[in-house]
Amino acid sequence: MRKEEKIKVGISIGDLNGIGGEIILKTFEDNRVLEFCTPVVFASIKTVSFLKKHFHSAINFHSIQNAEQVTHGKVNVVNVWNDNVNIQFGEEDQEIGAYAIKSLEAATKALKNGNIDILVTAPINKHNIQSERFNFPGHTDYLAKELEGDSLMLMVTNSLKVGLLTDHVPVKDVSSHITKALINSKIETIITALKKDFGVRKPKIAVLGINPHTGDNGVIGEEDDTILRPTLKEIRDKGDLVYGPYAADSFFGSNNYKNFDAIIAAYHDQGLIPFKTLAFGQGVNFTAGLNKVRTSPDHGTAYEIAGKGEADNGSFKEALFTGIQIFNNRHSFENLNANVLKKQTKKI
């Protein structure tokens, strides 16, 4: 692969008091990674130099003023700010949250402008990022507003993919959010993602029930019978392989999940608890359904070990390579379909 063909991976620095900086350093200390991509970290050379010194890293950074100046073969750092940031590992800090958002906004702008090809986000603290200007629950909601498409949180490994009907919604509000329109939209998004981003020709999807035991014929809630079942039947009647609802309590323990290309959970913890139990440290959070590729590790800021040099960068590295693979899969899918359309046009 020629240097100019390398995928430019934008990286938002995340919460500087967490483990984001450490896992980024550990990932790019391995020079072999530069054979697959060109990293572009959105922070400042002062900040990453502090991190380099603190963690005794031998990594060399290339300082640039904007993402248009990227140099292949180096770890680029876009100077989003010039401040001397007061990093206190393990502390929740509103000012640190503001820097995380500055990094995210700059990286997103570069993604939209085509200066980077994909975005990998280091973990943020959902509380200290809140302000009058930024009031999103997290990355997914912000990117859904900034980018084109219908977003869906999809947790992925090579063998397990779990999507959500609702993500950052209080449990008491989950059932009121789940409508026929939402179910159709999310399933359409996940089917498209499986085909386009993961190369699955005919996806087979399982949907978990909203209520315990999928409502027990209305004894423990009516939503599964009145909304979920009829909607899934309509989707199946159109030819898509979508099955359920399945009782969530036994679905993963029975290994039934292995029979499907993806599972859709009704709400956050119903899907993420089993996913992280089975795949923690190797899982990736992928925002499916958008016109740009964004991934992140499957963990948070880990304040309890921040600054100690103990963080495992495995999930961040998986997020990096998963993002690259999805980007390549999309281009292959688009080229394949473009060629099909050209052939059909010639026949006509």
Protein backbone atom coordinates (compact mmCIF):
# COMPACT_ATOMS: atom_id res chain seq x y z
CA MET A 1 0.00 0.00 0.00
CA ARG A 2 1.37 3.41 -0.96
CA LYS A 3 1.62 6.07 1.74
CA GLU A 4 -0.99 8.27 0.15
CA GLU A 5 -3.50 5.41 0.25
CA LYS A 6 -3.28 4.89 3.99
CA ILE A 7 -6.48 5.50 5.89
CA LYS A 8 -6.35 8.63 8.04
CA VAL A 9 -7.68 7.76 11.49
CA GLY A 10 -8.84 10.71 13.56
CA ILE A 11 -8.68 10.22 17.33
CA SER A 12 -10.45 12.35 19.91
CA ILE A 13 -8.42 12.39 23.12
CA GLY A 14 -11.32 11.84 25.53
CA ASP A 15 -11.20 12.67 29.24
CA LEU A 16 -7.58 13.62 29.98
CA ASN A 17 -7.97 12.58 33.61
CA GLY A 18 -8.95 9.07 32.49
CA ILE A 19 -7.06 6.34 30.64
CA GLY A 20 -7.63 7.65 27.10
CA GLY A 21 -4.19 9.18 26.69
CA GLU A 22 -2.47 6.07 28.01
CA ILE A 23 -4.24 3.63 25.70
CA ILE A 24 -3.55 5.88 22.71
CA LEU A 25 0.16 5.98 23.57
CA LYS A 26 0.35 2.21 24.06
CA THR A 27 -1.37 1.56 20.75
CA PHE A 28 0.94 3.73 18.63
CA GLU A 29 4.15 2.80 20.42
CA ASP A 30 3.96 -0.23 18.13
CA ASN A 31 5.30 1.22 14.87
CA ARG A 32 3.72 -1.61 12.89
CA VAL A 33 0.33 0.10 13.33
CA LEU A 34 1.58 2.89 11.05
CA GLU A 35 1.73 0.37 8.20
CA PHE A 36 -2.07 0.18 8.28
CA CYS A 37 -3.11 3.76 8.92
CA THR A 38 -2.07 7.34 9.60
CA PRO A 39 -3.17 8.46 13.09
CA VAL A 40 -4.34 12.03 13.71
CA VAL A 41 -4.82 12.88 17.41
CA PHE A 42 -6.89 15.96 18.20
CA ALA A 43 -5.43 17.59 21.34
CA SER A 44 -2.23 19.61 21.58
CA ILE A 45 1.48 18.87 21.43
CA LYS A 46 1.85 20.24 24.99
CA THR A 47 -0.76 17.82 26.30
CA VAL A 48 0.57 14.72 24.55
CA SER A 49 4.13 15.64 25.56
CA PHE A 50 3.01 15.67 29.19
CA LEU A 51 1.41 12.24 28.71
CA LYS A 52 4.52 10.94 26.97
CA LYS A 53 6.73 12.06 29.86
CA HIS A 54 4.36 10.75 32.54
CA PHE A 55 4.11 7.29 30.99
CA HIS A 56 7.80 7.16 29.93
CA SER A 57 6.79 6.63 26.34
CA ALA A 58 9.27 6.63 23.46
CA ILE A 59 6.65 7.63 20.91
CA ASN A 60 7.41 10.57 18.60
CA PHE A 61 4.64 12.99 17.64
CA HIS A 62 4.31 15.24 14.59
CA SER A 63 2.76 18.59 15.53
CA ILE A 64 0.39 20.19 13.00
CA GLN A 65 -2.03 23.11 13.14
CA ASN A 66 -4.88 21.51 11.20
CA ALA A 67 -5.87 18.14 9.79
CA GLU A 68 -5.05 19.20 6.21
CA GLN A 69 -1.33 19.07 7.11
CA VAL A 70 -1.27 15.35 7.95
CA THR A 71 2.01 13.52 7.25
CA HIS A 72 1.85 9.79 6.56
CA GLY A 73 4.16 7.51 8.49
CA LYS A 74 3.92 9.66 11.63
CA VAL A 75 1.62 10.06 14.64
CA ASN A 76 0.12 13.47 13.91
CA VAL A 77 -1.18 15.76 16.66
CA VAL A 78 -3.53 18.58 15.68
CA ASN A 79 -3.13 21.52 18.06
CA VAL A 80 -6.73 22.17 19.02
CA TRP A 81 -5.58 24.28 21.98
CA ASN A 82 -2.34 25.83 23.23
CA ASP A 83 -3.21 25.89 26.95
CA ASN A 84 -1.22 24.23 29.68
CA VAL A 85 -3.90 21.77 30.80
CA ASN A 86 -3.91 20.82 34.48
CA ILE A 87 -4.25 17.03 34.31
CA GLN A 88 -5.13 15.32 37.60
CA PHE A 89 -5.53 11.62 36.89
CA GLY A 90 -8.60 10.01 38.43
CA GLU A 91 -10.44 13.28 39.12
CA GLU A 92 -13.74 14.30 37.58
CA ASP A 93 -13.27 17.86 36.36
CA GLN A 94 -15.60 20.12 34.38
CA GLU A 95 -12.69 21.93 32.72
CA ILE A 96 -11.18 18.65 31.60
CA GLY A 97 -14.58 17.72 30.18
CA ALA A 98 -14.51 20.92 28.12
CA TYR A 99 -11.19 19.88 26.53
CA ALA A 100 -12.67 16.48 25.68
CA ILE A 101 -15.46 18.26 23.79
CA LYS A 102 -13.01 20.60 22.02
CA SER A 103 -11.18 17.53 20.77
CA LEU A 104 -14.39 15.77 19.71
CA GLU A 105 -15.74 18.82 17.88
CA ALA A 106 -12.49 19.39 16.00
CA ALA A 107 -12.25 15.72 15.04
CA THR A 108 -15.87 15.65 13.89
CA LYS A 109 -15.34 18.74 11.75
CA ALA A 110 -12.32 17.11 10.12
CA LEU A 111 -14.37 13.95 9.53
CA LYS A 112 -17.16 15.91 7.85
CA ASN A 113 -14.67 17.82 5.70
CA GLY A 114 -12.93 14.62 4.56
CA ASN A 115 -9.59 15.48 6.20
CA ILE A 116 -9.78 12.20 8.12
CA ASP A 117 -11.42 8.97 6.96
CA ILE A 118 -12.69 7.48 10.22
CA LEU A 119 -13.04 8.58 13.84
CA VAL A 120 -11.99 6.62 16.93
CA THR A 121 -13.10 8.22 20.18
CA ALA A 122 -11.34 7.73 23.51
CA PRO A 123 -13.65 7.51 26.56
CA ILE A 124 -15.37 10.59 27.99
CA ASN A 125 -17.17 11.25 31.26
CA LYS A 126 -20.83 11.84 30.39
CA HIS A 127 -21.32 14.14 33.39
CA ASN A 128 -18.42 16.57 33.09
CA ILE A 129 -18.95 17.19 29.36
CA GLN A 130 -22.34 18.81 29.95
CA SER A 131 -22.67 22.55 29.40
CA GLU A 132 -25.07 25.08 27.95
CA ARG A 133 -23.42 24.56 24.56
CA PHE A 134 -23.04 20.78 24.74
CA ASN A 135 -25.90 18.80 26.27
CA PHE A 136 -25.71 15.36 24.67
CA PRO A 137 -25.64 12.12 26.72
CA GLY A 138 -22.57 10.96 24.82
CA HIS A 139 -20.72 10.46 21.55
CA THR A 140 -23.52 8.61 19.75
CA ASP A 141 -26.13 11.31 20.26
CA TYR A 142 -23.75 14.11 19.27
CA LEU A 143 -22.58 12.35 16.11
CA ALA A 144 -26.15 11.49 15.17
CA LYS A 145 -26.82 15.23 15.03
CA GLU A 146 -23.61 16.18 13.22
CA LEU A 147 -23.50 13.41 10.62
CA GLU A 148 -25.97 12.04 8.08
CA GLY A 149 -28.05 8.90 8.64
CA ASP A 150 -29.94 7.11 11.42
CA SER A 151 -27.55 6.15 14.22
CA LEU A 152 -27.60 2.88 16.11
CA MET A 153 -25.26 1.83 18.91
CA LEU A 154 -23.80 -1.51 17.81
CA MET A 155 -21.38 -3.36 20.08
CA VAL A 156 -19.23 -5.69 18.03
CA THR A 157 -16.62 -8.44 18.10
CA ASN A 158 -15.77 -10.89 15.33
CA SER A 159 -18.39 -13.31 16.63
CA LEU A 160 -20.94 -11.16 18.50
CA LYS A 161 -22.88 -8.04 17.53
CA VAL A 162 -25.44 -6.43 19.83
CA GLY A 163 -27.54 -3.43 18.84
CA LEU A 164 -30.02 -1.39 20.86
CA LEU A 165 -33.56 -0.17 20.20
CA THR A 166 -33.00 2.51 22.85
CA ASP A 167 -29.62 3.54 24.23
CA HIS A 168 -29.22 6.33 26.79
CA VAL A 169 -32.84 6.31 27.95
CA PRO A 170 -33.96 5.91 31.60
CA VAL A 171 -35.41 2.44 32.23
CA LYS A 172 -38.75 3.93 33.28
CA ASP A 173 -39.11 5.49 29.81
CA VAL A 174 -37.97 2.57 27.67
CA SER A 175 -41.37 1.09 26.78
CA SER A 176 -42.81 4.47 25.77
CA HIS A 177 -39.91 5.00 23.34
CA ILE A 178 -40.34 1.65 21.58
CA THR A 179 -42.77 2.14 18.71
CA LYS A 180 -43.43 0.34 15.44
CA ALA A 181 -41.61 3.10 13.58
CA LEU A 182 -38.55 2.84 15.87
CA ILE A 183 -38.38 -0.96 15.55
CA ASN A 184 -38.58 -0.76 11.76
CA SER A 185 -35.95 1.98 11.61
CA LYS A 186 -33.44 0.24 13.90
CA ILE A 187 -33.82 -3.14 12.21
CA GLU A 188 -33.41 -1.56 8.78
CA THR A 189 -30.26 0.19 10.03
CA ILE A 190 -28.73 -2.98 11.46
CA ILE A 191 -29.53 -5.03 8.35
CA THR A 192 -27.87 -2.40 6.15
CA ALA A 193 -24.85 -2.23 8.48
CA LEU A 194 -24.41 -6.01 8.48
CA LYS A 195 -24.47 -6.08 4.68
CA LYS A 196 -22.47 -2.94 3.98
CA ASP A 197 -20.04 -2.81 6.91
CA PHE A 198 -19.54 -6.49 7.77
CA GLY A 199 -20.16 -8.32 4.48
CA VAL A 200 -23.12 -10.43 5.65
CA ARG A 201 -25.22 -11.18 2.56
CA LYS A 202 -28.45 -12.31 4.25
CA PRO A 203 -28.41 -11.21 7.91
CA LYS A 204 -30.19 -13.29 10.52
CA ILE A 205 -31.23 -11.18 13.50
CA ALA A 206 -32.67 -11.97 16.95
CA VAL A 207 -34.71 -9.42 18.89
CA LEU A 208 -34.95 -9.59 22.68
CA GLY A 209 -38.24 -8.98 24.48
CA ILE A 210 -39.07 -5.73 26.21
CA ASN A 211 -40.48 -7.33 29.38
CA PRO A 212 -39.34 -10.32 31.48
CA HIS A 213 -40.34 -13.59 29.74
CA THR A 214 -41.51 -11.40 26.82
CA GLY A 215 -44.52 -10.40 28.89
CA ASP A 216 -45.89 -13.90 29.69
CA ASN A 217 -48.95 -13.34 27.50
CA GLY A 218 -49.62 -9.94 29.02
CA VAL A 219 -49.13 -10.90 32.68
CA ILE A 220 -45.86 -8.91 32.88
CA GLY A 221 -46.58 -6.17 30.35
CA GLU A 222 -48.35 -5.97 27.00
CA GLU A 223 -45.71 -4.27 24.82
CA ASP A 224 -44.23 -7.51 23.48
CA ASP A 225 -47.63 -8.70 22.26
CA THR A 226 -49.07 -5.40 21.07
CA ILE A 227 -46.00 -3.78 19.50
CA LEU A 228 -42.98 -6.05 19.13
CA ARG A 229 -44.44 -9.35 17.85
CA PRO A 230 -46.71 -7.88 15.17
CA THR A 231 -43.99 -5.55 13.92
CA LEU A 232 -41.44 -8.38 13.67
CA LYS A 233 -43.98 -10.50 11.78
CA GLU A 234 -44.52 -7.72 9.25
CA ILE A 235 -40.76 -7.45 8.74
CA ARG A 236 -40.44 -11.23 8.27
CA ASP A 237 -43.31 -11.23 5.79
CA LYS A 238 -41.26 -8.82 3.66
CA GLY A 239 -38.44 -11.37 3.52
CA ASP A 240 -36.00 -10.31 6.23
CA LEU A 241 -34.71 -12.94 8.66
CA VAL A 242 -35.73 -11.26 11.92
CA TYR A 243 -36.85 -13.47 14.81
CA GLY A 244 -38.20 -12.99 18.32
CA PRO A 245 -38.94 -11.65 20.76
CA TYR A 246 -36.73 -13.91 22.85
CA ALA A 247 -36.65 -13.92 26.65
CA ALA A 248 -33.48 -11.98 27.49
CA ASP A 249 -32.65 -13.81 30.73
CA SER A 250 -31.80 -17.13 29.05
CA PHE A 251 -30.85 -16.04 25.54
CA PHE A 252 -27.10 -15.61 26.07
CA GLY A 253 -26.62 -18.30 28.71
CA SER A 254 -28.13 -20.90 26.37
CA ASN A 255 -25.70 -19.86 23.61
CA ASN A 256 -28.64 -19.11 21.33
CA TYR A 257 -26.89 -15.88 20.34
CA LYS A 258 -24.41 -17.93 18.32
CA ASN A 259 -27.18 -18.75 15.82
CA PHE A 260 -27.55 -15.11 14.71
CA ASP A 261 -25.50 -12.46 12.94
CA ALA A 262 -26.73 -9.81 15.38
CA ILE A 263 -28.96 -9.37 18.40
CA ILE A 264 -31.12 -6.33 19.09
CA ALA A 265 -31.82 -5.55 22.75
CA ALA A 266 -34.68 -3.35 23.92
CA TYR A 267 -32.54 -1.14 26.16
CA HIS A 268 -28.99 -0.35 27.22
CA ASP A 269 -28.25 -2.75 30.08
CA GLN A 270 -30.22 -5.62 28.54
CA GLY A 271 -27.74 -5.67 25.68
CA LEU A 272 -24.53 -4.31 27.14
CA ILE A 273 -24.33 -6.40 30.32
CA PRO A 274 -24.16 -9.73 28.44
CA PHE A 275 -21.98 -8.22 25.72
CA LYS A 276 -19.40 -6.88 28.14
CA THR A 277 -19.53 -10.08 30.20
CA LEU A 278 -18.70 -12.13 27.11
CA ALA A 279 -16.37 -9.73 25.34
CA PHE A 280 -14.99 -7.09 27.72
CA GLY A 281 -11.61 -5.85 26.56
CA GLN A 282 -12.08 -7.11 23.01
CA GLY A 283 -15.37 -5.36 22.21
CA VAL A 284 -15.89 -2.27 20.11
CA ASN A 285 -18.64 0.37 20.18
CA PHE A 286 -19.56 1.15 16.56
CA THR A 287 -22.06 3.85 15.62
CA ALA A 288 -23.86 2.12 12.76
CA GLY A 289 -26.15 3.86 10.27
CA LEU A 290 -24.15 7.06 9.75
CA ASN A 291 -22.42 8.22 6.58
CA LYS A 292 -19.04 8.20 8.38
CA VAL A 293 -17.32 5.49 10.42
CA ARG A 294 -16.92 5.98 14.16
CA THR A 295 -15.73 3.40 16.67
CA SER A 296 -14.60 3.46 20.30
CA PRO A 297 -13.41 1.01 22.97
CA ASP A 298 -16.04 -0.80 25.03
CA HIS A 299 -15.01 0.76 28.37
CA GLY A 300 -15.10 4.10 30.13
CA THR A 301 -12.58 6.50 31.65
CA ALA A 302 -11.47 4.03 34.38
CA TYR A 303 -10.54 6.78 36.83
CA GLU A 304 -9.55 4.17 39.42
CA ILE A 305 -6.46 3.16 37.41
CA ALA A 306 -5.84 6.38 35.46
CA GLY A 307 -2.23 7.55 35.42
CA LYS A 308 -0.89 4.29 36.87
CA GLY A 309 0.24 2.72 33.62
CA GLU A 310 -2.07 -0.24 34.17
CA ALA A 311 -4.63 0.36 31.41
CA ASP A 312 -5.17 -2.34 28.79
CA ASN A 313 -5.26 -0.87 25.29
CA GLY A 314 -6.75 -4.04 23.75
CA SER A 315 -10.22 -2.64 23.16
CA PHE A 316 -8.87 0.64 21.76
CA LYS A 317 -6.67 -1.28 19.31
CA GLU A 318 -9.72 -3.38 18.33
CA ALA A 319 -11.68 -0.17 17.78
CA LEU A 320 -8.91 1.15 15.53
CA PHE A 321 -8.68 -1.94 13.33
CA THR A 322 -12.45 -2.51 13.30
CA GLY A 323 -12.91 1.05 12.05
CA ILE A 324 -10.35 0.46 9.29
CA GLN A 325 -12.03 -2.81 8.29
CA ILE A 326 -15.49 -1.24 8.19
CA PHE A 327 -14.17 1.64 6.08
CA ASN A 328 -12.68 -0.84 3.61
CA ASN A 329 -15.83 -2.99 3.60
CA ARG A 330 -17.97 0.05 2.80
CA HIS A 331 -15.83 0.98 -0.15
CA SER A 332 -15.88 -2.59 -1.46
CA PHE A 333 -19.66 -2.72 -1.08
CA GLU A 334 -20.15 0.62 -2.83
CA ASN A 335 -17.79 -0.32 -5.68
CA LEU A 336 -19.47 -3.68 -6.12
CA ASN A 337 -22.94 -2.15 -6.29
CA ALA A 338 -21.76 0.65 -8.56
CA ASN A 339 -20.40 -1.95 -11.00
CA VAL A 340 -23.69 -3.88 -10.87
CA LEU A 341 -25.63 -0.72 -11.72
CA LYS A 342 -23.29 0.02 -14.64
CA LYS A 343 -23.80 -3.49 -16.04
CA GLN A 344 -27.58 -3.23 -15.72
CA THR A 345 -27.56 0.16 -17.45
CA LYS A 346 -25.56 -1.25 -20.36
CA LYS A 347 -28.04 -4.13 -20.76
CA ILE A 348 -30.97 -1.71 -20.92
